[in-house]
């Protein structure tokens, strides 16, 4: 079981298998949860390319004219994972570049 509060970083050469590594790990943990062979959790992940959008789109922004806050993608993903959370699900957000 990987218990990390803040996050992990996967680094390596291009075409080194970084994407396949986390996908296989997530699938393996989900398979272990479904087969109930070990005390693991189902893993659900979403991928974001933070360089493709603005900071306001990523985290949210305040509109000075209307004085309203607009949630960003990170907030929306957090709310999605939280609304679908059970004691049997782990939600992860991956920030990656193409």
N, C-alpha and C. Protein backbone atom coordinates (compact mmCIF):
# COMPACT_ATOMS: atom_id res chain seq x y z
N UNK A 1 0.85 -1.17 0.00
CA UNK A 1 0.00 0.00 0.00
C UNK A 1 0.90 1.23 0.00
N UNK A 2 0.55 2.20 -0.83
CA UNK A 2 1.29 3.44 -0.89
C UNK A 2 0.48 4.50 -0.15
N UNK A 3 1.02 4.95 0.96
CA UNK A 3 0.35 5.98 1.75
C UNK A 3 1.17 7.26 1.65
N UNK A 4 0.74 8.17 0.79
CA UNK A 4 1.44 9.42 0.57
C UNK A 4 0.44 10.55 0.74
N UNK A 5 0.80 11.53 1.53
CA UNK A 5 -0.12 12.63 1.78
C UNK A 5 -0.07 13.67 0.66
N UNK A 6 1.10 13.98 0.15
CA UNK A 6 1.24 15.08 -0.80
C UNK A 6 1.37 14.63 -2.25
N UNK A 7 2.11 13.59 -2.52
CA UNK A 7 2.25 13.16 -3.90
C UNK A 7 3.54 12.42 -4.17
N UNK A 8 3.60 11.87 -5.33
CA UNK A 8 4.78 11.16 -5.82
C UNK A 8 5.21 11.80 -7.12
N UNK A 9 6.49 11.65 -7.46
CA UNK A 9 6.98 12.13 -8.73
C UNK A 9 7.61 10.96 -9.47
N UNK A 10 7.21 10.79 -10.72
CA UNK A 10 7.81 9.76 -11.56
C UNK A 10 8.64 10.48 -12.61
N UNK A 11 9.94 10.22 -12.62
CA UNK A 11 10.84 10.85 -13.58
C UNK A 11 11.58 9.77 -14.35
N UNK A 12 11.98 10.12 -15.54
CA UNK A 12 12.75 9.18 -16.34
C UNK A 12 12.88 9.64 -17.78
N UNK A 13 13.59 8.87 -18.54
CA UNK A 13 13.83 9.15 -19.94
C UNK A 13 12.54 9.06 -20.75
N UNK A 14 12.50 9.75 -21.90
CA UNK A 14 11.35 9.58 -22.79
C UNK A 14 11.22 8.12 -23.22
N UNK A 15 10.00 7.66 -23.31
CA UNK A 15 9.70 6.26 -23.66
C UNK A 15 10.29 5.28 -22.65
N UNK A 16 10.42 5.72 -21.39
CA UNK A 16 10.99 4.86 -20.36
C UNK A 16 9.96 4.04 -19.61
N UNK A 17 8.68 4.21 -19.92
CA UNK A 17 7.64 3.41 -19.28
C UNK A 17 6.99 4.05 -18.07
N UNK A 18 7.13 5.36 -17.91
CA UNK A 18 6.55 6.04 -16.75
C UNK A 18 5.02 5.93 -16.75
N UNK A 19 4.39 6.16 -17.89
CA UNK A 19 2.94 6.08 -17.99
C UNK A 19 2.46 4.67 -17.71
N UNK A 20 3.10 3.70 -18.32
CA UNK A 20 2.71 2.31 -18.09
C UNK A 20 2.90 1.89 -16.64
N UNK A 21 3.91 2.45 -15.97
CA UNK A 21 4.18 2.08 -14.58
C UNK A 21 3.02 2.46 -13.68
N UNK A 22 2.53 3.70 -13.78
CA UNK A 22 1.43 4.08 -12.89
C UNK A 22 0.12 3.44 -13.32
N UNK A 23 -0.06 3.19 -14.62
CA UNK A 23 -1.29 2.52 -15.06
C UNK A 23 -1.33 1.07 -14.58
N UNK A 24 -0.21 0.38 -14.66
CA UNK A 24 -0.15 -1.01 -14.17
C UNK A 24 -0.34 -1.06 -12.67
N UNK A 25 0.28 -0.12 -11.94
CA UNK A 25 0.11 -0.08 -10.49
C UNK A 25 -1.35 0.16 -10.11
N UNK A 26 -2.00 1.13 -10.78
CA UNK A 26 -3.41 1.41 -10.49
C UNK A 26 -4.29 0.21 -10.80
N UNK A 27 -4.05 -0.43 -11.95
CA UNK A 27 -4.83 -1.61 -12.32
C UNK A 27 -4.60 -2.77 -11.36
N UNK A 28 -3.35 -2.95 -10.92
CA UNK A 28 -3.03 -4.03 -9.99
C UNK A 28 -3.71 -3.81 -8.63
N UNK A 29 -3.67 -2.58 -8.14
CA UNK A 29 -4.32 -2.30 -6.86
C UNK A 29 -5.84 -2.47 -6.96
N UNK A 30 -6.41 -2.07 -8.10
CA UNK A 30 -7.84 -2.26 -8.31
C UNK A 30 -8.19 -3.74 -8.39
N UNK A 31 -7.37 -4.53 -9.09
CA UNK A 31 -7.60 -5.98 -9.18
C UNK A 31 -7.51 -6.64 -7.81
N UNK A 32 -6.53 -6.23 -6.99
CA UNK A 32 -6.41 -6.78 -5.64
C UNK A 32 -7.61 -6.43 -4.79
N UNK A 33 -8.12 -5.21 -4.96
CA UNK A 33 -9.32 -4.81 -4.21
C UNK A 33 -10.52 -5.66 -4.62
N UNK A 34 -10.70 -5.84 -5.93
CA UNK A 34 -11.87 -6.58 -6.41
C UNK A 34 -11.80 -8.07 -6.06
N UNK A 35 -10.59 -8.64 -6.05
CA UNK A 35 -10.46 -10.05 -5.70
C UNK A 35 -10.41 -10.27 -4.20
N UNK A 36 -10.25 -9.20 -3.43
CA UNK A 36 -10.19 -9.24 -1.98
C UNK A 36 -9.08 -10.15 -1.46
N UNK A 37 -7.98 -10.22 -2.22
CA UNK A 37 -6.83 -11.00 -1.78
C UNK A 37 -5.99 -10.24 -0.76
N UNK A 38 -5.98 -8.92 -0.89
CA UNK A 38 -5.24 -8.07 0.04
C UNK A 38 -6.12 -6.88 0.39
N UNK A 39 -5.74 -6.18 1.42
CA UNK A 39 -6.50 -5.01 1.87
C UNK A 39 -6.04 -3.78 1.09
N UNK A 40 -6.41 -3.70 -0.17
CA UNK A 40 -6.05 -2.57 -1.02
C UNK A 40 -7.31 -1.83 -1.44
N UNK A 41 -7.12 -0.68 -2.10
CA UNK A 41 -8.23 0.17 -2.51
C UNK A 41 -8.30 0.26 -4.02
N UNK A 42 -9.50 0.49 -4.53
CA UNK A 42 -9.68 0.74 -5.95
C UNK A 42 -9.09 2.11 -6.27
N UNK A 43 -8.38 2.21 -7.40
CA UNK A 43 -7.72 3.45 -7.77
C UNK A 43 -8.41 4.05 -9.00
N UNK A 44 -8.76 5.32 -8.90
CA UNK A 44 -9.34 6.07 -10.01
C UNK A 44 -8.44 7.28 -10.23
N UNK A 45 -7.97 7.49 -11.46
CA UNK A 45 -7.09 8.62 -11.71
C UNK A 45 -7.54 9.41 -12.93
N UNK A 46 -7.18 10.68 -12.91
CA UNK A 46 -7.42 11.60 -14.02
C UNK A 46 -6.11 12.30 -14.34
N UNK A 47 -5.91 12.61 -15.61
CA UNK A 47 -4.66 13.20 -16.06
C UNK A 47 -4.90 14.63 -16.54
N UNK A 48 -4.02 15.54 -16.13
CA UNK A 48 -4.10 16.95 -16.51
C UNK A 48 -2.74 17.37 -17.05
N UNK A 49 -2.73 18.13 -18.15
CA UNK A 49 -1.51 18.79 -18.63
C UNK A 49 -1.58 20.24 -18.18
N UNK A 50 -0.88 20.62 -17.10
CA UNK A 50 -1.02 21.96 -16.55
C UNK A 50 -0.47 23.06 -17.46
N UNK A 51 0.39 22.70 -18.41
CA UNK A 51 0.94 23.72 -19.31
C UNK A 51 -0.02 24.09 -20.43
N UNK A 52 -1.08 23.32 -20.60
CA UNK A 52 -2.03 23.57 -21.69
C UNK A 52 -3.13 24.55 -21.31
N UNK A 53 -3.22 24.93 -20.03
CA UNK A 53 -4.28 25.83 -19.58
C UNK A 53 -3.69 26.91 -18.69
N UNK A 54 -4.47 27.95 -18.43
CA UNK A 54 -3.99 29.04 -17.59
C UNK A 54 -4.11 28.65 -16.11
N UNK A 55 -3.46 29.44 -15.26
CA UNK A 55 -3.52 29.20 -13.82
C UNK A 55 -4.96 29.33 -13.31
N UNK A 56 -5.71 30.29 -13.85
CA UNK A 56 -7.10 30.47 -13.44
C UNK A 56 -7.96 29.28 -13.82
N UNK A 57 -7.71 28.70 -15.00
CA UNK A 57 -8.45 27.51 -15.41
C UNK A 57 -8.05 26.31 -14.58
N UNK A 58 -6.80 26.26 -14.16
CA UNK A 58 -6.31 25.12 -13.39
C UNK A 58 -6.81 25.15 -11.95
N UNK A 59 -6.65 26.27 -11.26
CA UNK A 59 -6.99 26.35 -9.83
C UNK A 59 -8.28 27.10 -9.53
N UNK A 60 -8.67 27.98 -10.42
CA UNK A 60 -9.84 28.82 -10.18
C UNK A 60 -9.44 30.28 -10.25
N UNK A 61 -10.43 31.15 -10.40
CA UNK A 61 -10.13 32.57 -10.53
C UNK A 61 -11.26 33.41 -9.95
N UNK A 62 -10.88 34.60 -9.49
CA UNK A 62 -11.83 35.57 -8.97
C UNK A 62 -12.10 36.60 -10.06
N UNK A 63 -13.36 36.85 -10.36
CA UNK A 63 -13.74 37.85 -11.34
C UNK A 63 -13.94 39.18 -10.62
N UNK A 64 -13.08 40.18 -10.89
CA UNK A 64 -13.19 41.44 -10.16
C UNK A 64 -14.45 42.24 -10.50
N UNK A 65 -15.05 41.99 -11.65
CA UNK A 65 -16.25 42.73 -12.04
C UNK A 65 -17.48 42.20 -11.30
N UNK A 66 -17.68 40.90 -11.34
CA UNK A 66 -18.86 40.31 -10.71
C UNK A 66 -18.62 39.87 -9.26
N UNK A 67 -17.36 39.89 -8.83
CA UNK A 67 -16.98 39.44 -7.48
C UNK A 67 -17.41 38.00 -7.23
N UNK A 68 -17.25 37.15 -8.25
CA UNK A 68 -17.57 35.73 -8.12
C UNK A 68 -16.32 34.90 -8.34
N UNK A 69 -16.27 33.80 -7.65
CA UNK A 69 -15.18 32.85 -7.79
C UNK A 69 -15.62 31.75 -8.74
N UNK A 70 -14.76 31.40 -9.68
CA UNK A 70 -15.01 30.29 -10.59
C UNK A 70 -14.01 29.19 -10.28
N UNK A 71 -14.51 28.00 -9.97
CA UNK A 71 -13.63 26.88 -9.65
C UNK A 71 -12.86 26.45 -10.89
N UNK A 72 -11.64 25.99 -10.65
CA UNK A 72 -10.81 25.47 -11.73
C UNK A 72 -10.94 23.96 -11.83
N UNK A 73 -10.14 23.39 -12.72
CA UNK A 73 -10.19 21.96 -12.97
C UNK A 73 -9.75 21.16 -11.75
N UNK A 74 -8.74 21.63 -11.03
CA UNK A 74 -8.27 20.91 -9.84
C UNK A 74 -9.37 20.84 -8.79
N UNK A 75 -10.07 21.93 -8.58
CA UNK A 75 -11.17 21.95 -7.61
C UNK A 75 -12.28 21.01 -8.07
N UNK A 76 -12.60 21.04 -9.35
CA UNK A 76 -13.65 20.17 -9.88
C UNK A 76 -13.28 18.69 -9.71
N UNK A 77 -12.01 18.36 -9.97
CA UNK A 77 -11.57 16.98 -9.78
C UNK A 77 -11.62 16.57 -8.31
N UNK A 78 -11.19 17.48 -7.43
CA UNK A 78 -11.25 17.18 -6.01
C UNK A 78 -12.69 16.92 -5.58
N UNK A 79 -13.61 17.75 -6.02
CA UNK A 79 -15.02 17.56 -5.68
C UNK A 79 -15.56 16.27 -6.27
N UNK A 80 -15.13 15.92 -7.49
CA UNK A 80 -15.55 14.66 -8.12
C UNK A 80 -15.06 13.47 -7.31
N UNK A 81 -13.77 13.48 -6.94
CA UNK A 81 -13.23 12.37 -6.14
C UNK A 81 -13.89 12.32 -4.77
N UNK A 82 -14.15 13.47 -4.18
CA UNK A 82 -14.78 13.50 -2.86
C UNK A 82 -16.22 13.01 -2.91
N UNK A 83 -16.96 13.37 -3.95
CA UNK A 83 -18.35 12.93 -4.05
C UNK A 83 -18.46 11.44 -4.34
N UNK A 84 -17.44 10.88 -5.00
CA UNK A 84 -17.43 9.45 -5.29
C UNK A 84 -16.61 8.66 -4.29
N UNK A 85 -16.17 9.32 -3.23
CA UNK A 85 -15.28 8.63 -2.30
C UNK A 85 -16.05 7.71 -1.37
N UNK A 86 -15.47 6.60 -1.18
CA UNK A 86 -15.90 5.64 -0.18
C UNK A 86 -14.64 5.21 0.55
N UNK A 87 -14.77 4.33 1.46
CA UNK A 87 -13.57 3.82 2.12
C UNK A 87 -12.84 2.84 1.21
N UNK A 88 -13.38 2.56 0.03
CA UNK A 88 -12.78 1.59 -0.87
C UNK A 88 -12.22 2.22 -2.14
N UNK A 89 -12.12 3.55 -2.21
CA UNK A 89 -11.68 4.23 -3.42
C UNK A 89 -10.61 5.26 -3.11
N UNK A 90 -9.56 5.27 -3.93
CA UNK A 90 -8.53 6.28 -3.85
C UNK A 90 -8.56 7.04 -5.16
N UNK A 91 -8.69 8.36 -5.10
CA UNK A 91 -8.68 9.20 -6.29
C UNK A 91 -7.37 9.93 -6.41
N UNK A 92 -6.76 9.91 -7.58
CA UNK A 92 -5.47 10.57 -7.81
C UNK A 92 -5.57 11.45 -9.05
N UNK A 93 -4.92 12.59 -8.98
CA UNK A 93 -4.82 13.49 -10.12
C UNK A 93 -3.35 13.51 -10.55
N UNK A 94 -3.11 13.27 -11.82
CA UNK A 94 -1.76 13.25 -12.36
C UNK A 94 -1.54 14.47 -13.23
N UNK A 95 -0.49 15.23 -12.91
CA UNK A 95 -0.10 16.36 -13.72
C UNK A 95 1.02 15.90 -14.62
N UNK A 96 0.83 15.98 -15.92
CA UNK A 96 1.81 15.45 -16.85
C UNK A 96 1.95 16.36 -18.05
N UNK A 97 3.05 16.21 -18.75
CA UNK A 97 3.29 16.95 -19.99
C UNK A 97 3.39 15.94 -21.13
N UNK A 98 2.96 16.36 -22.33
CA UNK A 98 3.06 15.42 -23.45
C UNK A 98 4.50 15.21 -23.87
